[in-house]
């Protein structure tokens, strides 16, 4: 049985501290500034450009990295089937008894 990993555990496995910090920044920005749950790629890119002066390519690379790590879920908007929509993958709380059973 696979272990349930939280955001900080997943990001802790990344060796480069700069990349880890940027990934955490993007994930936290999505959770805090876009509380509706689903956010369009363009909105995240614009927010990171205004707030942190990041180029669009940098934000898109970080979003793709978070999707590949399993932190974000990427879908396509049903209206145009082109726009990417991101959601933070919910990591449910694991009760202590279940954590012990899973070997955490």
N, C-alpha and C. Protein backbone atom coordinates (compact mmCIF):
# COMPACT_ATOMS: atom_id res chain seq x y z
N UNK A 1 0.85 -1.17 0.00
CA UNK A 1 0.00 0.00 0.00
C UNK A 1 0.90 1.23 0.00
N UNK A 2 0.56 2.20 -0.85
CA UNK A 2 1.39 3.39 -0.94
C UNK A 2 1.09 4.35 0.21
N UNK A 3 2.09 5.09 0.58
CA UNK A 3 1.94 6.06 1.66
C UNK A 3 1.29 7.32 1.14
N UNK A 4 0.44 7.93 1.94
CA UNK A 4 -0.14 9.22 1.61
C UNK A 4 0.87 10.29 1.94
N UNK A 5 1.16 11.15 0.98
CA UNK A 5 2.15 12.19 1.19
C UNK A 5 1.50 13.55 1.14
N UNK A 6 1.90 14.42 2.03
CA UNK A 6 1.43 15.79 2.02
C UNK A 6 2.30 16.65 1.12
N UNK A 7 1.88 17.89 0.94
CA UNK A 7 2.60 18.82 0.07
C UNK A 7 4.05 18.99 0.49
N UNK A 8 4.28 19.22 1.77
CA UNK A 8 5.64 19.51 2.23
C UNK A 8 6.52 18.27 2.20
N UNK A 9 5.94 17.10 2.35
CA UNK A 9 6.72 15.86 2.22
C UNK A 9 7.16 15.66 0.78
N UNK A 10 6.25 15.92 -0.15
CA UNK A 10 6.57 15.78 -1.57
C UNK A 10 7.65 16.79 -1.96
N UNK A 11 7.48 18.03 -1.55
CA UNK A 11 8.47 19.05 -1.90
C UNK A 11 9.79 18.85 -1.18
N UNK A 12 9.77 18.19 -0.03
CA UNK A 12 10.99 17.90 0.70
C UNK A 12 11.91 16.94 -0.03
N UNK A 13 11.34 16.17 -0.97
CA UNK A 13 12.14 15.22 -1.74
C UNK A 13 12.92 15.88 -2.87
N UNK A 14 12.69 17.16 -3.14
CA UNK A 14 13.38 17.86 -4.21
C UNK A 14 14.71 18.38 -3.68
N UNK A 15 15.78 18.08 -4.40
CA UNK A 15 17.13 18.40 -3.92
C UNK A 15 17.49 19.88 -4.03
N UNK A 16 17.09 20.52 -5.11
CA UNK A 16 17.45 21.92 -5.34
C UNK A 16 16.58 22.84 -4.47
N UNK A 17 17.18 23.57 -3.51
CA UNK A 17 16.38 24.41 -2.62
C UNK A 17 15.66 25.56 -3.35
N UNK A 18 16.26 26.09 -4.39
CA UNK A 18 15.60 27.16 -5.15
C UNK A 18 14.35 26.68 -5.84
N UNK A 19 14.44 25.53 -6.48
CA UNK A 19 13.28 24.96 -7.15
C UNK A 19 12.20 24.58 -6.14
N UNK A 20 12.61 24.00 -5.03
CA UNK A 20 11.66 23.62 -3.98
C UNK A 20 10.91 24.85 -3.46
N UNK A 21 11.62 25.95 -3.27
CA UNK A 21 10.99 27.18 -2.79
C UNK A 21 10.00 27.74 -3.81
N UNK A 22 10.38 27.70 -5.09
CA UNK A 22 9.48 28.21 -6.13
C UNK A 22 8.23 27.35 -6.27
N UNK A 23 8.39 26.04 -6.19
CA UNK A 23 7.23 25.14 -6.27
C UNK A 23 6.29 25.36 -5.09
N UNK A 24 6.87 25.53 -3.92
CA UNK A 24 6.05 25.80 -2.73
C UNK A 24 5.33 27.13 -2.86
N UNK A 25 6.00 28.12 -3.44
CA UNK A 25 5.39 29.43 -3.63
C UNK A 25 4.19 29.36 -4.57
N UNK A 26 4.32 28.63 -5.67
CA UNK A 26 3.21 28.50 -6.62
C UNK A 26 2.05 27.73 -5.99
N UNK A 27 2.35 26.63 -5.32
CA UNK A 27 1.29 25.83 -4.69
C UNK A 27 0.57 26.62 -3.61
N UNK A 28 1.30 27.35 -2.82
CA UNK A 28 0.69 28.17 -1.77
C UNK A 28 -0.11 29.31 -2.36
N UNK A 29 0.39 29.93 -3.41
CA UNK A 29 -0.35 31.02 -4.06
C UNK A 29 -1.69 30.53 -4.59
N UNK A 30 -1.71 29.35 -5.15
CA UNK A 30 -2.97 28.80 -5.67
C UNK A 30 -3.94 28.53 -4.52
N UNK A 31 -3.44 27.97 -3.44
CA UNK A 31 -4.31 27.65 -2.30
C UNK A 31 -4.86 28.91 -1.63
N UNK A 32 -4.04 29.95 -1.51
CA UNK A 32 -4.43 31.14 -0.76
C UNK A 32 -5.18 32.15 -1.62
N UNK A 33 -4.68 32.43 -2.80
CA UNK A 33 -5.25 33.51 -3.61
C UNK A 33 -6.37 33.06 -4.54
N UNK A 34 -6.52 31.77 -4.72
CA UNK A 34 -7.59 31.25 -5.57
C UNK A 34 -8.36 30.18 -4.80
N UNK A 35 -9.14 30.59 -3.80
CA UNK A 35 -9.78 29.62 -2.91
C UNK A 35 -10.96 28.86 -3.53
N UNK A 36 -11.34 29.17 -4.76
CA UNK A 36 -12.47 28.48 -5.39
C UNK A 36 -12.16 27.02 -5.70
N UNK A 37 -10.91 26.65 -5.67
CA UNK A 37 -10.53 25.27 -5.91
C UNK A 37 -9.93 25.05 -7.28
N UNK A 38 -10.55 25.59 -8.32
CA UNK A 38 -10.04 25.44 -9.67
C UNK A 38 -9.61 26.81 -10.18
N UNK A 39 -8.47 26.85 -10.83
CA UNK A 39 -7.93 28.11 -11.32
C UNK A 39 -7.37 27.90 -12.73
N UNK A 40 -7.62 28.86 -13.58
CA UNK A 40 -7.11 28.79 -14.95
C UNK A 40 -5.62 29.14 -14.98
N UNK A 41 -4.93 28.52 -15.91
CA UNK A 41 -3.49 28.74 -16.04
C UNK A 41 -3.17 30.21 -16.23
N UNK A 42 -3.95 30.89 -17.04
CA UNK A 42 -3.69 32.31 -17.31
C UNK A 42 -3.77 33.16 -16.04
N UNK A 43 -4.70 32.82 -15.17
CA UNK A 43 -4.84 33.57 -13.92
C UNK A 43 -3.61 33.41 -13.04
N UNK A 44 -3.09 32.20 -12.95
CA UNK A 44 -1.89 31.95 -12.14
C UNK A 44 -0.69 32.66 -12.75
N UNK A 45 -0.55 32.58 -14.07
CA UNK A 45 0.57 33.22 -14.75
C UNK A 45 0.52 34.74 -14.54
N UNK A 46 -0.66 35.33 -14.66
CA UNK A 46 -0.79 36.77 -14.45
C UNK A 46 -0.50 37.15 -13.01
N UNK A 47 -0.99 36.36 -12.06
CA UNK A 47 -0.74 36.66 -10.66
C UNK A 47 0.75 36.61 -10.34
N UNK A 48 1.43 35.56 -10.79
CA UNK A 48 2.86 35.43 -10.49
C UNK A 48 3.68 36.51 -11.20
N UNK A 49 3.23 36.96 -12.37
CA UNK A 49 3.93 38.03 -13.09
C UNK A 49 3.79 39.35 -12.36
N UNK A 50 2.59 39.63 -11.87
CA UNK A 50 2.36 40.90 -11.17
C UNK A 50 3.01 40.90 -9.80
N UNK A 51 2.81 39.82 -9.06
CA UNK A 51 3.26 39.77 -7.66
C UNK A 51 4.77 39.55 -7.52
N UNK A 52 5.32 38.63 -8.35
CA UNK A 52 6.72 38.23 -8.19
C UNK A 52 7.59 38.53 -9.40
N UNK A 53 6.99 39.14 -10.44
CA UNK A 53 7.71 39.48 -11.67
C UNK A 53 8.31 38.27 -12.36
N UNK A 54 7.58 37.18 -12.34
CA UNK A 54 8.02 35.96 -13.02
C UNK A 54 7.57 36.00 -14.47
N UNK A 55 8.42 35.52 -15.40
CA UNK A 55 7.96 35.37 -16.77
C UNK A 55 6.95 34.22 -16.86
N UNK A 56 6.12 34.25 -17.89
CA UNK A 56 5.09 33.24 -18.06
C UNK A 56 5.68 31.84 -18.18
N UNK A 57 6.81 31.71 -18.86
CA UNK A 57 7.41 30.40 -19.06
C UNK A 57 7.85 29.78 -17.73
N UNK A 58 8.33 30.59 -16.84
CA UNK A 58 8.78 30.09 -15.53
C UNK A 58 7.59 29.54 -14.73
N UNK A 59 6.49 30.28 -14.72
CA UNK A 59 5.30 29.82 -14.00
C UNK A 59 4.75 28.55 -14.62
N UNK A 60 4.70 28.49 -15.95
CA UNK A 60 4.19 27.29 -16.62
C UNK A 60 5.05 26.07 -16.33
N UNK A 61 6.36 26.25 -16.29
CA UNK A 61 7.25 25.13 -15.95
C UNK A 61 7.00 24.64 -14.53
N UNK A 62 6.81 25.58 -13.60
CA UNK A 62 6.55 25.21 -12.21
C UNK A 62 5.19 24.52 -12.07
N UNK A 63 4.19 24.97 -12.81
CA UNK A 63 2.88 24.31 -12.78
C UNK A 63 2.99 22.88 -13.31
N UNK A 64 3.72 22.71 -14.42
CA UNK A 64 3.91 21.36 -14.97
C UNK A 64 4.66 20.45 -13.99
N UNK A 65 5.64 21.01 -13.29
CA UNK A 65 6.39 20.22 -12.31
C UNK A 65 5.48 19.79 -11.16
N UNK A 66 4.60 20.69 -10.71
CA UNK A 66 3.68 20.34 -9.62
C UNK A 66 2.67 19.29 -10.06
N UNK A 67 2.28 19.32 -11.33
CA UNK A 67 1.38 18.28 -11.85
C UNK A 67 2.10 16.94 -11.88
N UNK A 68 3.34 16.93 -12.34
CA UNK A 68 4.09 15.67 -12.41
C UNK A 68 4.40 15.11 -11.02
N UNK A 69 4.51 15.98 -10.01
CA UNK A 69 4.73 15.51 -8.63
C UNK A 69 3.44 15.03 -7.97
N UNK A 70 2.30 15.35 -8.56
CA UNK A 70 1.02 14.94 -7.99
C UNK A 70 0.43 15.93 -7.01
N UNK A 71 0.97 17.15 -6.96
CA UNK A 71 0.45 18.18 -6.06
C UNK A 71 -0.77 18.85 -6.68
N UNK A 72 -0.71 19.06 -8.01
CA UNK A 72 -1.82 19.67 -8.74
C UNK A 72 -2.43 18.67 -9.71
N UNK A 73 -3.70 18.89 -10.00
CA UNK A 73 -4.40 18.12 -11.03
C UNK A 73 -4.68 19.09 -12.17
N UNK A 74 -4.37 18.67 -13.39
CA UNK A 74 -4.58 19.52 -14.56
C UNK A 74 -5.68 18.92 -15.43
N UNK A 75 -6.66 19.76 -15.75
CA UNK A 75 -7.73 19.35 -16.66
C UNK A 75 -7.88 20.44 -17.72
N UNK A 76 -8.71 20.17 -18.70
CA UNK A 76 -9.00 21.15 -19.73
C UNK A 76 -10.40 21.71 -19.51
N UNK A 77 -10.56 22.99 -19.77
CA UNK A 77 -11.86 23.64 -19.64
C UNK A 77 -12.82 23.06 -20.66
N UNK A 78 -14.02 22.72 -20.23
CA UNK A 78 -15.01 22.12 -21.12
C UNK A 78 -15.51 23.11 -22.17
N UNK A 79 -15.43 24.39 -21.89
CA UNK A 79 -15.94 25.39 -22.83
C UNK A 79 -15.14 25.43 -24.13
N UNK A 80 -13.83 25.36 -24.01
CA UNK A 80 -13.03 25.45 -25.23
C UNK A 80 -12.04 24.29 -25.40
N UNK A 81 -11.94 23.42 -24.42
CA UNK A 81 -11.05 22.25 -24.45
C UNK A 81 -9.61 22.65 -24.75
N UNK A 82 -9.23 23.84 -24.41
CA UNK A 82 -7.87 24.29 -24.66
C UNK A 82 -7.24 24.84 -23.39
N UNK A 83 -7.99 25.61 -22.63
CA UNK A 83 -7.48 26.26 -21.44
C UNK A 83 -7.22 25.23 -20.34
N UNK A 84 -6.03 25.28 -19.77
CA UNK A 84 -5.71 24.39 -18.66
C UNK A 84 -6.30 24.94 -17.37
N UNK A 85 -6.85 24.04 -16.57
CA UNK A 85 -7.42 24.39 -15.27
C UNK A 85 -6.71 23.53 -14.24
N UNK A 86 -6.20 24.17 -13.18
CA UNK A 86 -5.45 23.46 -12.15
C UNK A 86 -6.23 23.43 -10.85
N UNK A 87 -6.10 22.32 -10.13
CA UNK A 87 -6.68 22.16 -8.80
C UNK A 87 -5.63 21.53 -7.91
N UNK A 88 -5.58 21.98 -6.67
CA UNK A 88 -4.69 21.36 -5.70
C UNK A 88 -5.32 20.03 -5.30
N UNK A 89 -4.54 18.97 -5.34
CA UNK A 89 -5.03 17.65 -4.97
C UNK A 89 -5.24 17.62 -3.47
N UNK A 90 -6.45 17.31 -3.06
CA UNK A 90 -6.75 17.25 -1.63
C UNK A 90 -6.02 16.08 -1.00
N UNK A 91 -5.38 16.38 0.08
CA UNK A 91 -4.69 15.36 0.86
C UNK A 91 -5.45 15.22 2.17
N UNK A 92 -6.31 14.22 2.27
CA UNK A 92 -7.13 14.10 3.48
C UNK A 92 -6.29 13.80 4.70
N UNK A 93 -6.79 14.24 5.85
CA UNK A 93 -6.13 13.95 7.11
C UNK A 93 -6.17 12.45 7.36
N UNK A 94 -5.05 11.90 7.76
CA UNK A 94 -4.97 10.48 8.05
C UNK A 94 -5.01 10.30 9.56
N UNK A 95 -6.00 9.57 10.07
CA UNK A 95 -6.04 9.32 11.52
C UNK A 95 -4.79 8.59 11.99
N UNK A 96 -4.45 8.79 13.24
CA UNK A 96 -3.22 8.21 13.80
C UNK A 96 -3.19 6.69 13.66
N UNK A 97 -4.33 6.03 13.89
CA UNK A 97 -4.37 4.57 13.79
C UNK A 97 -4.06 4.12 12.36
N UNK A 98 -4.60 4.82 11.39
CA UNK A 98 -4.35 4.47 9.99
C UNK A 98 -2.89 4.76 9.62
N UNK A 99 -2.34 5.84 10.15
CA UNK A 99 -0.94 6.18 9.86
C UNK A 99 0.00 5.11 10.39
N UNK A 100 -0.28 4.61 11.59
CA UNK A 100 0.54 3.55 12.15
C UNK A 100 0.42 2.28 11.30
N UNK A 101 -0.78 2.00 10.86
CA UNK A 101 -1.00 0.81 10.02
C UNK A 101 -0.28 0.93 8.68
N UNK A 102 -0.22 2.16 8.12
CA UNK A 102 0.45 2.37 6.86
C UNK A 102 1.96 2.43 7.02
N UNK A 103 2.43 2.55 8.23
CA UNK A 103 3.87 2.59 8.46
C UNK A 103 4.47 3.98 8.39
N UNK A 104 3.65 4.97 8.58
CA UNK A 104 4.14 6.35 8.51
C UNK A 104 4.84 6.75 9.80
